[in-house]
């Protein structure tokens, strides 16, 4: 059983909600709590709570985190775009996300994995507050970054959104020495899903499937395109079944000056590095897991 804390910017791209549902629906995972980060963390918490209910997540609690990047002069980009039906004011813990992260890891050394699918601000702040979590966290499974070292590298951008949102926080996390599984654009851009495929997922008719596919359609409309990527669910799936991906051990550091672009993840092969960088994914097995567990399809 993998005990995880899911740190998320749910409410912008639709894939966060799918990742949360996959974690809850997977018997290999016990979700200890959900923490929200970046921008309107209160609305993100409301959305997370609603998705927990739709996923039959029981009493999983949600904790509001940090709204702004570590350096406040960085602009917060990409608003919450989820529909109002999901923005229901439900019970959210009064404990701060950073406090929850620190307390949970320190009280359960070697047992808690941080699955991060948003900016790394909460995680960096937790490390600053309590450096001891570096040696007590089981793993940081991160959807973030891009190395362009895989077979599709020429087609990928040089920066990735979650890292760009708070590059100073990302730099701190990567350089902390904590064990990291990096599930970046190198693999997540290999798990595209089209509008036609999403229509098939909705056909199961469950309330969860309807809510998730509605968010996916809204996000595609927002981006004016007929496809999207399952970035965040792949991070969860890679922790459930590591054989879905192939990775190489590397050192990774983040370029975080205020030049354009900022937030580039620069990687080099190193057998003694602390980051396992995913470069290949078994797309069919991933989508089979997602369809069966989340969409009942």
Protein backbone atom coordinates (compact mmCIF):
# COMPACT_ATOMS: atom_id res chain seq x y z
CA UNK A 1 0.00 0.00 0.00
CA UNK A 2 1.43 3.38 -1.07
CA UNK A 3 0.55 6.19 1.35
CA UNK A 4 0.54 9.48 -0.54
CA UNK A 5 -0.12 13.17 -0.16
CA UNK A 6 -1.40 14.65 -3.44
CA UNK A 7 -0.28 18.26 -3.93
CA UNK A 8 -2.32 19.82 -6.72
CA UNK A 9 -3.37 22.94 -8.61
CA UNK A 10 -6.70 21.31 -9.47
CA UNK A 11 -9.17 23.50 -11.33
CA UNK A 12 -7.13 24.70 -14.30
CA UNK A 13 -6.16 21.82 -16.57
CA UNK A 14 -8.66 18.97 -16.23
CA UNK A 15 -6.02 16.30 -15.66
CA UNK A 16 -5.59 17.08 -11.94
CA UNK A 17 -9.12 15.89 -11.23
CA UNK A 18 -8.51 12.70 -13.21
CA UNK A 19 -5.29 12.10 -11.26
CA UNK A 20 -7.11 12.55 -7.95
CA UNK A 21 -9.84 10.13 -9.01
CA UNK A 22 -7.27 7.56 -10.15
CA UNK A 23 -5.46 7.74 -6.82
CA UNK A 24 -8.68 7.28 -4.85
CA UNK A 25 -9.92 4.44 -7.08
CA UNK A 26 -6.65 2.48 -6.91
CA UNK A 27 -6.41 -0.16 -4.15
CA UNK A 28 -2.62 0.18 -4.13
CA UNK A 29 -2.89 3.76 -2.86
CA UNK A 30 -4.03 5.31 0.40
CA UNK A 31 -4.52 9.06 0.04
CA UNK A 32 -3.53 10.62 3.37
CA UNK A 33 -4.63 14.07 2.29
CA UNK A 34 -4.85 16.53 -0.60
CA UNK A 35 -3.03 19.87 -0.54
CA UNK A 36 -3.73 22.74 -2.93
CA UNK A 37 -1.22 25.20 -4.33
CA UNK A 38 -0.87 28.24 -6.59
CA UNK A 39 -3.45 30.93 -7.21
CA UNK A 40 -6.94 30.61 -5.75
CA UNK A 41 -6.21 27.76 -3.34
CA UNK A 42 -9.62 28.13 -1.67
CA UNK A 43 -11.50 27.46 -4.89
CA UNK A 44 -9.05 24.68 -5.73
CA UNK A 45 -9.79 23.13 -2.34
CA UNK A 46 -13.53 23.30 -2.95
CA UNK A 47 -13.07 21.56 -6.30
CA UNK A 48 -10.83 18.90 -4.75
CA UNK A 49 -13.43 18.23 -2.07
CA UNK A 50 -16.16 17.84 -4.66
CA UNK A 51 -14.05 15.39 -6.69
CA UNK A 52 -13.26 13.39 -3.54
CA UNK A 53 -17.00 12.99 -2.94
CA UNK A 54 -17.66 11.97 -6.55
CA UNK A 55 -14.81 9.44 -6.33
CA UNK A 56 -16.16 7.94 -3.08
CA UNK A 57 -13.06 9.13 -1.25
CA UNK A 58 -14.66 9.02 2.18
CA UNK A 59 -13.12 11.33 4.76
CA UNK A 60 -9.99 12.38 2.84
CA UNK A 61 -9.23 15.93 3.95
CA UNK A 62 -8.11 18.89 1.86
CA UNK A 63 -5.60 21.49 3.05
CA UNK A 64 -5.14 24.94 1.54
CA UNK A 65 -1.57 25.81 0.63
CA UNK A 66 0.44 28.74 -0.68
CA UNK A 67 -1.12 31.07 -3.25
CA UNK A 68 1.96 32.81 -4.61
CA UNK A 69 5.41 31.69 -5.78
CA UNK A 70 8.30 31.87 -3.33
CA UNK A 71 9.33 35.16 -4.95
CA UNK A 72 6.24 37.34 -4.84
CA UNK A 73 7.36 39.43 -7.82
CA UNK A 74 6.56 36.50 -10.10
CA UNK A 75 3.14 36.75 -11.72
CA UNK A 76 0.57 34.03 -11.00
CA UNK A 77 -0.50 32.67 -14.39
CA UNK A 78 -3.35 30.43 -15.56
CA UNK A 79 -6.57 30.99 -13.59
CA UNK A 80 -8.99 28.45 -12.18
CA UNK A 81 -11.39 27.64 -15.02
CA UNK A 82 -13.56 24.87 -13.55
CA UNK A 83 -17.33 25.27 -13.74
CA UNK A 84 -19.32 26.57 -10.79
CA UNK A 85 -21.00 23.22 -10.15
CA UNK A 86 -17.66 21.96 -8.82
CA UNK A 87 -16.97 25.09 -6.75
CA UNK A 88 -19.04 23.97 -3.79
CA UNK A 89 -18.00 25.22 -0.39
CA UNK A 90 -17.43 22.05 1.55
CA UNK A 91 -15.39 21.24 4.62
CA UNK A 92 -11.73 22.17 4.22
CA UNK A 93 -9.27 21.71 7.06
CA UNK A 94 -8.09 24.85 8.85
CA UNK A 95 -4.59 23.38 9.06
CA UNK A 96 -2.19 24.80 6.49
CA UNK A 97 -0.98 22.46 3.76
CA UNK A 98 2.69 22.99 4.64
CA UNK A 99 2.06 22.08 8.28
CA UNK A 100 0.15 18.97 7.21
CA UNK A 101 2.95 17.87 4.87
CA UNK A 102 5.62 18.31 7.54
CA UNK A 103 3.67 16.63 10.33
CA UNK A 104 2.62 13.65 8.22
CA UNK A 105 6.10 12.92 6.88
CA UNK A 106 7.88 13.46 10.19
CA UNK A 107 5.41 11.23 12.04
CA UNK A 108 5.67 8.42 9.45
CA UNK A 109 9.30 8.28 8.29
CA UNK A 110 9.88 6.34 5.10
CA UNK A 111 6.15 5.77 4.53
CA UNK A 112 4.81 8.89 2.79
CA UNK A 113 5.19 9.69 -0.90
CA UNK A 114 4.54 13.22 -2.14
CA UNK A 115 2.80 13.16 -5.50
CA UNK A 116 3.15 16.69 -6.83
CA UNK A 117 1.05 17.75 -9.81
CA UNK A 118 1.31 21.52 -9.52
CA UNK A 119 3.87 24.18 -8.70
CA UNK A 120 6.36 23.02 -6.07
CA UNK A 121 5.83 25.94 -3.67
CA UNK A 122 4.28 23.93 -0.82
CA UNK A 123 7.01 21.30 -1.03
CA UNK A 124 9.83 23.86 -1.07
CA UNK A 125 8.31 25.71 1.88
CA UNK A 126 8.02 22.45 3.81
CA UNK A 127 11.70 21.70 3.17
CA UNK A 128 12.68 25.20 4.31
CA UNK A 129 10.58 24.87 7.47
CA UNK A 130 11.70 21.31 8.27
CA UNK A 131 14.73 20.03 6.32
CA UNK A 132 14.31 16.69 8.10
CA UNK A 133 11.56 15.70 5.68
CA UNK A 134 14.21 15.22 2.97
CA UNK A 135 15.46 12.06 4.67
CA UNK A 136 12.03 10.92 5.84
CA UNK A 137 9.94 11.20 2.67
CA UNK A 138 9.71 7.92 0.80
CA UNK A 139 9.66 9.53 -2.64
CA UNK A 140 8.65 12.67 -4.47
CA UNK A 141 6.72 11.68 -7.59
CA UNK A 142 6.61 14.83 -9.65
CA UNK A 143 4.66 15.76 -12.73
CA UNK A 144 6.93 18.50 -13.91
CA UNK A 145 9.82 19.45 -16.11
CA UNK A 146 11.07 18.36 -19.49
CA UNK A 147 14.51 17.14 -20.52
CA UNK A 148 14.05 16.61 -24.30
CA UNK A 149 16.33 13.58 -23.99
CA UNK A 150 13.76 11.02 -25.15
CA UNK A 151 12.82 9.96 -28.66
CA UNK A 152 10.26 12.79 -28.97
CA UNK A 153 12.58 15.52 -27.67
CA UNK A 154 12.63 17.59 -30.82
CA UNK A 155 8.85 18.06 -30.59
CA UNK A 156 8.78 19.28 -26.98
CA UNK A 157 8.94 22.78 -25.49
CA UNK A 158 12.00 23.69 -23.45
CA UNK A 159 10.05 24.56 -20.30
CA UNK A 160 7.07 23.00 -18.51
CA UNK A 161 4.24 24.84 -16.76
CA UNK A 162 4.53 23.51 -13.19
CA UNK A 163 8.24 24.33 -13.03
CA UNK A 164 7.79 27.70 -14.71
CA UNK A 165 5.14 28.71 -12.15
CA UNK A 166 7.74 28.69 -9.36
CA UNK A 167 11.24 27.91 -10.65
CA UNK A 168 12.92 28.89 -7.38
CA UNK A 169 10.80 26.36 -5.50
CA UNK A 170 11.53 23.73 -8.14
CA UNK A 171 15.26 24.40 -7.90
CA UNK A 172 15.17 23.93 -4.14
CA UNK A 173 13.30 20.63 -4.42
CA UNK A 174 15.53 19.19 -7.15
CA UNK A 175 18.70 20.17 -5.27
CA UNK A 176 17.45 18.95 -1.89
CA UNK A 177 18.74 15.40 -2.36
CA UNK A 178 15.29 13.89 -1.82
CA UNK A 179 14.56 10.86 -4.06
CA UNK A 180 12.53 12.04 -7.05
CA UNK A 181 10.64 10.33 -9.86
CA UNK A 182 10.22 12.97 -12.57
CA UNK A 183 7.23 12.37 -14.83
CA UNK A 184 7.68 15.25 -17.25
CA UNK A 185 6.62 16.24 -20.73
CA UNK A 186 9.03 13.65 -22.14
CA UNK A 187 6.37 11.04 -21.32
CA UNK A 188 3.17 12.97 -20.62
CA UNK A 189 3.11 14.34 -24.17
CA UNK A 190 2.93 10.70 -25.27
CA UNK A 191 -0.48 10.23 -23.58
CA UNK A 192 -2.72 12.49 -25.63
CA UNK A 193 -6.47 11.94 -25.65
CA UNK A 194 -8.89 13.29 -28.27
CA UNK A 195 -12.39 14.68 -28.00
CA UNK A 196 -13.82 11.57 -29.66
CA UNK A 197 -12.07 9.34 -27.11
CA UNK A 198 -13.40 11.50 -24.29
CA UNK A 199 -16.95 11.07 -25.62
CA UNK A 200 -16.48 7.31 -25.30
CA UNK A 201 -15.31 7.70 -21.69
CA UNK A 202 -18.44 9.69 -20.88
CA UNK A 203 -20.64 6.90 -22.21
CA UNK A 204 -20.30 4.89 -18.99
CA UNK A 205 -22.72 7.43 -17.54
CA UNK A 206 -21.39 7.46 -13.97
CA UNK A 207 -21.50 10.81 -12.12
CA UNK A 208 -17.71 10.71 -11.84
CA UNK A 209 -17.22 10.05 -15.56
CA UNK A 210 -19.65 12.83 -16.46
CA UNK A 211 -17.92 15.35 -14.16
CA UNK A 212 -14.44 14.48 -15.39
CA UNK A 213 -15.27 14.48 -19.09
CA UNK A 214 -17.10 17.81 -18.67
CA UNK A 215 -13.94 19.31 -17.20
CA UNK A 216 -11.88 17.85 -20.04
CA UNK A 217 -14.25 19.32 -22.63
CA UNK A 218 -14.25 22.71 -20.90
CA UNK A 219 -10.46 22.75 -20.88
CA UNK A 220 -10.24 21.84 -24.57
CA UNK A 221 -12.72 24.62 -25.35
CA UNK A 222 -10.61 27.02 -23.28
CA UNK A 223 -7.51 26.02 -25.26
CA UNK A 224 -9.46 25.93 -28.55
CA UNK A 225 -8.32 22.45 -29.50
CA UNK A 226 -9.73 18.93 -29.85
CA UNK A 227 -7.25 17.06 -27.67
CA UNK A 228 -5.58 17.22 -24.29
CA UNK A 229 -2.89 15.34 -22.39
CA UNK A 230 -3.20 13.16 -19.31
CA UNK A 231 -0.11 14.65 -17.65
CA UNK A 232 -1.02 14.27 -13.98
CA UNK A 233 -2.74 10.87 -14.08
CA UNK A 234 0.44 9.44 -15.57
CA UNK A 235 2.39 10.49 -12.47
CA UNK A 236 -0.08 8.58 -10.28
CA UNK A 237 -0.05 5.57 -12.61
CA UNK A 238 3.76 5.47 -12.66
CA UNK A 239 3.77 5.14 -8.87
CA UNK A 240 1.07 2.47 -8.91
CA UNK A 241 2.90 0.43 -11.57
CA UNK A 242 6.48 1.57 -12.26
CA UNK A 243 6.72 -0.80 -15.24
CA UNK A 244 4.39 1.48 -17.21
CA UNK A 245 7.33 3.86 -17.71
CA UNK A 246 11.03 3.56 -18.45
CA UNK A 247 13.40 5.96 -16.74
CA UNK A 248 17.06 6.87 -16.45
CA UNK A 249 18.92 8.19 -13.40
CA UNK A 250 20.00 11.81 -13.77
CA UNK A 251 20.97 15.00 -12.04
CA UNK A 252 18.52 17.81 -12.72
CA UNK A 253 18.85 21.48 -11.97
CA UNK A 254 16.53 24.39 -12.73
CA UNK A 255 17.44 27.65 -14.47
CA UNK A 256 15.52 30.21 -12.43
CA UNK A 257 16.84 33.64 -13.39
CA UNK A 258 14.37 36.20 -14.74
CA UNK A 259 15.49 35.80 -18.34
CA UNK A 260 13.09 34.42 -20.92
CA UNK A 261 12.55 31.51 -20.76
CA UNK A 262 12.87 30.77 -17.08
CA UNK A 263 12.25 27.43 -15.39
CA UNK A 264 14.16 25.17 -17.74
CA UNK A 265 15.00 21.76 -16.25
CA UNK A 266 18.53 20.88 -17.32
CA UNK A 267 19.34 17.19 -16.96
CA UNK A 268 22.45 15.06 -17.34
CA UNK A 269 22.84 11.31 -17.03
CA UNK A 270 24.35 10.32 -13.68
CA UNK A 271 24.03 6.89 -12.09
CA UNK A 272 24.48 8.54 -8.69
CA UNK A 273 21.88 11.24 -9.28
CA UNK A 274 18.75 11.61 -7.17
CA UNK A 275 16.22 11.91 -10.01
CA UNK A 276 14.74 9.06 -12.05
CA UNK A 277 13.59 10.77 -15.25
CA UNK A 278 10.83 9.01 -17.19
CA UNK A 279 11.51 8.89 -20.93
CA UNK A 280 9.16 6.21 -22.30
CA UNK A 281 5.61 5.09 -21.46
CA UNK A 282 3.43 2.15 -22.39
CA UNK A 283 0.49 4.23 -23.60
CA UNK A 284 -1.92 1.32 -24.05
CA UNK A 285 -1.41 -0.04 -20.53
CA UNK A 286 -1.76 3.42 -19.03
CA UNK A 287 -5.06 4.16 -20.74
CA UNK A 288 -6.35 0.68 -19.94
CA UNK A 289 -5.73 1.38 -16.24
CA UNK A 290 -7.38 4.79 -16.49
CA UNK A 291 -10.48 3.57 -18.32
CA UNK A 292 -11.14 0.62 -16.03
CA UNK A 293 -10.49 2.33 -12.70
CA UNK A 294 -11.81 5.84 -13.23
CA UNK A 295 -14.32 5.74 -16.07
CA UNK A 296 -15.70 2.19 -15.66
CA UNK A 297 -15.28 1.78 -19.41
